[in-house]
């Protein structure tokens, strides 16, 4: 089970809607809005909640092969530490990690042993991701592609075989992030 999201903080900081009551009510629970109103950096917390919820949505959608329907206000975040949180969707709980730098927030669902990467610049990111996967799997990058299914969930396709591997992709502003599960051998 994988899902990740990245937020370009420079781009997000230019959004004047992030603290508007209308926007907050669309994406946050009453408890989360209260937390936002009581923090020293409300905009950062808004985007952290968004990132946590988006990463969880991707994992939940993949897990149950759901059509796209993102309703972030129905997801409930509980931040347990600076880098860890739990997000609940209905009766399902997801454990997440978050990394916050001066440039981005990257949140992802914990799923055992994983490989992840963050790249700056969208033009090269697809090539970099495919090259990284080729390295990990000892497969020439020319034999790897990224495709989305009917629900827009991405997978790595290993050409000339029937194999597909899950991948979670996220793009925002200057950043692309990916997450793939790895099998320990």
Protein backbone atom coordinates (compact mmCIF):
# COMPACT_ATOMS: atom_id res chain seq x y z
CA UNK A 1 0.00 0.00 0.00
CA UNK A 2 1.66 3.19 -1.17
CA UNK A 3 0.75 6.83 -1.61
CA UNK A 4 2.70 10.08 -1.48
CA UNK A 5 2.26 13.80 -2.01
CA UNK A 6 4.65 16.70 -2.37
CA UNK A 7 3.91 20.39 -1.89
CA UNK A 8 6.21 23.08 -3.30
CA UNK A 9 6.15 25.55 -0.40
CA UNK A 10 7.25 28.51 -2.50
CA UNK A 11 4.33 27.98 -4.87
CA UNK A 12 1.90 27.22 -2.03
CA UNK A 13 2.89 30.38 -0.15
CA UNK A 14 1.65 32.45 -3.08
CA UNK A 15 -1.86 31.06 -2.65
CA UNK A 16 -4.02 33.59 -0.86
CA UNK A 17 -6.87 31.10 -0.54
CA UNK A 18 -5.09 28.68 1.80
CA UNK A 19 -6.39 30.35 4.95
CA UNK A 20 -9.82 31.36 3.67
CA UNK A 21 -12.69 29.83 5.67
CA UNK A 22 -14.31 28.49 2.49
CA UNK A 23 -11.14 26.61 1.48
CA UNK A 24 -10.47 25.34 5.01
CA UNK A 25 -14.02 24.00 5.35
CA UNK A 26 -13.59 22.08 2.07
CA UNK A 27 -10.41 20.31 3.16
CA UNK A 28 -10.35 20.20 6.98
CA UNK A 29 -12.38 18.92 9.89
CA UNK A 30 -13.44 21.31 12.64
CA UNK A 31 -10.67 19.95 14.88
CA UNK A 32 -8.05 20.50 12.17
CA UNK A 33 -9.23 24.08 11.57
CA UNK A 34 -8.91 24.69 15.30
CA UNK A 35 -5.33 23.36 15.19
CA UNK A 36 -4.57 25.63 12.21
CA UNK A 37 -5.95 28.66 14.04
CA UNK A 38 -3.81 27.89 17.12
CA UNK A 39 -0.44 27.28 15.47
CA UNK A 40 2.43 29.71 14.89
CA UNK A 41 2.55 28.87 11.16
CA UNK A 42 -1.03 28.25 10.01
CA UNK A 43 -0.22 28.14 6.30
CA UNK A 44 2.40 25.42 6.81
CA UNK A 45 -0.07 23.32 8.79
CA UNK A 46 -2.76 23.72 6.10
CA UNK A 47 -0.38 22.37 3.48
CA UNK A 48 0.82 19.59 5.78
CA UNK A 49 -2.78 18.46 6.29
CA UNK A 50 -3.34 18.65 2.53
CA UNK A 51 -0.22 16.60 1.84
CA UNK A 52 -1.13 13.96 4.43
CA UNK A 53 -4.64 13.65 3.06
CA UNK A 54 -3.57 13.51 -0.58
CA UNK A 55 -0.99 10.76 0.15
CA UNK A 56 -3.62 8.81 2.08
CA UNK A 57 -6.15 9.24 -0.71
CA UNK A 58 -3.71 7.78 -3.22
CA UNK A 59 -3.01 4.75 -1.00
CA UNK A 60 -6.72 4.21 -0.26
CA UNK A 61 -7.70 4.55 -3.94
CA UNK A 62 -5.02 2.03 -4.96
CA UNK A 63 -5.90 -0.36 -2.12
CA UNK A 64 -9.58 -0.57 -3.11
CA UNK A 65 -9.29 0.23 -6.84
CA UNK A 66 -11.62 3.21 -6.43
CA UNK A 67 -12.61 5.76 -9.03
CA UNK A 68 -11.29 9.27 -8.43
CA UNK A 69 -13.22 11.08 -5.71
CA UNK A 70 -11.17 13.18 -3.32
CA UNK A 71 -13.10 14.51 -0.33
CA UNK A 72 -10.35 15.67 2.05
CA UNK A 73 -12.73 17.01 4.71
CA UNK A 74 -13.86 13.43 5.35
CA UNK A 75 -10.28 12.35 6.16
CA UNK A 76 -9.18 12.96 9.74
CA UNK A 77 -5.53 13.73 10.54
CA UNK A 78 -3.91 13.17 13.86
CA UNK A 79 -0.33 14.42 13.96
CA UNK A 80 1.62 12.37 16.49
CA UNK A 81 5.02 14.02 16.06
CA UNK A 82 6.83 16.40 13.73
CA UNK A 83 7.29 13.67 11.13
CA UNK A 84 4.50 11.17 11.85
CA UNK A 85 0.74 11.19 11.55
CA UNK A 86 -2.27 8.94 11.29
CA UNK A 87 -5.04 9.64 8.79
CA UNK A 88 -8.40 7.95 9.09
CA UNK A 89 -10.82 7.34 6.21
CA UNK A 90 -14.01 5.70 7.46
CA UNK A 91 -12.80 2.72 9.51
CA UNK A 92 -9.36 2.56 7.84
CA UNK A 93 -6.23 4.07 9.39
CA UNK A 94 -3.05 4.92 7.55
CA UNK A 95 0.33 5.71 9.14
CA UNK A 96 2.28 8.43 7.39
CA UNK A 97 5.67 10.07 7.47
CA UNK A 98 6.28 13.69 6.50
CA UNK A 99 9.46 15.50 5.68
CA UNK A 100 9.32 19.27 5.83
CA UNK A 101 12.14 21.36 4.39
CA UNK A 102 12.29 25.04 3.52
CA UNK A 103 11.35 24.04 -0.05
CA UNK A 104 8.73 21.32 0.25
CA UNK A 105 6.52 19.04 2.32
CA UNK A 106 6.66 15.39 1.31
CA UNK A 107 4.21 12.99 2.96
CA UNK A 108 3.90 9.29 2.32
CA UNK A 109 2.08 6.24 3.61
CA UNK A 110 4.36 3.86 5.45
CA UNK A 111 4.35 0.49 3.76
CA UNK A 112 7.38 -1.42 4.86
CA UNK A 113 10.57 -1.27 2.83
CA UNK A 114 10.30 1.43 0.16
CA UNK A 115 12.39 3.50 -2.17
CA UNK A 116 11.53 7.11 -2.76
CA UNK A 117 12.98 10.00 -4.63
CA UNK A 118 12.39 13.71 -4.91
CA UNK A 119 13.44 15.59 -8.00
CA UNK A 120 13.44 19.26 -8.80
CA UNK A 121 12.32 20.18 -12.30
CA UNK A 122 9.50 18.37 -14.06
CA UNK A 123 11.15 17.90 -17.45
CA UNK A 124 13.74 15.35 -16.30
CA UNK A 125 11.78 13.67 -13.52
CA UNK A 126 10.16 10.89 -15.59
CA UNK A 127 13.55 9.92 -17.02
CA UNK A 128 15.14 10.07 -13.54
CA UNK A 129 12.42 7.88 -12.03
CA UNK A 130 12.70 5.27 -14.79
CA UNK A 131 16.51 5.28 -14.50
CA UNK A 132 16.27 4.81 -10.71
CA UNK A 133 13.84 1.90 -11.08
CA UNK A 134 16.09 0.35 -13.72
CA UNK A 135 19.01 0.54 -11.28
CA UNK A 136 17.00 -1.03 -8.45
CA UNK A 137 15.68 -3.87 -10.59
CA UNK A 138 18.75 -4.32 -12.81
CA UNK A 139 16.61 -3.71 -15.90
CA UNK A 140 17.53 -1.38 -18.77
CA UNK A 141 15.47 1.83 -18.49
CA UNK A 142 14.35 1.41 -22.10
CA UNK A 143 12.27 -1.57 -20.95
CA UNK A 144 10.36 0.40 -18.28
CA UNK A 145 7.38 2.67 -18.71
CA UNK A 146 4.90 4.43 -16.43
CA UNK A 147 1.21 4.02 -17.27
CA UNK A 148 -2.04 4.84 -15.50
CA UNK A 149 -5.05 2.54 -15.27
CA UNK A 150 -8.69 3.49 -15.84
CA UNK A 151 -8.79 5.10 -12.37
CA UNK A 152 -5.59 7.09 -13.12
CA UNK A 153 -3.52 5.03 -10.67
CA UNK A 154 0.06 4.78 -11.99
CA UNK A 155 2.10 1.60 -12.34
CA UNK A 156 5.50 0.72 -13.68
CA UNK A 157 5.20 -1.48 -16.73
CA UNK A 158 8.10 -3.79 -17.48
CA UNK A 159 7.97 -4.04 -21.26
CA UNK A 160 8.26 -7.43 -22.90
CA UNK A 161 6.76 -9.01 -19.77
CA UNK A 162 3.35 -9.06 -18.16
CA UNK A 163 4.73 -7.54 -14.98
CA UNK A 164 3.57 -4.28 -13.47
CA UNK A 165 4.77 -2.75 -10.23
CA UNK A 166 3.02 -0.13 -8.13
CA UNK A 167 4.39 3.40 -8.04
CA UNK A 168 3.03 6.52 -6.41
CA UNK A 169 3.78 9.80 -8.17
CA UNK A 170 3.29 13.36 -7.06
CA UNK A 171 4.02 16.67 -8.80
CA UNK A 172 3.70 20.20 -7.50
CA UNK A 173 5.48 23.31 -8.67
CA UNK A 174 9.17 22.55 -9.09
CA UNK A 175 9.06 19.10 -7.49
CA UNK A 176 8.27 15.52 -8.41
CA UNK A 177 8.28 12.72 -5.87
CA UNK A 178 7.90 8.99 -6.33
CA UNK A 179 7.51 6.03 -4.03
CA UNK A 180 7.81 2.32 -4.87
CA UNK A 181 7.62 -0.70 -2.59
CA UNK A 182 10.66 -2.95 -2.62
CA UNK A 183 10.86 -6.61 -1.79
CA UNK A 184 13.64 -7.54 0.58
CA UNK A 185 15.62 -10.46 -0.75
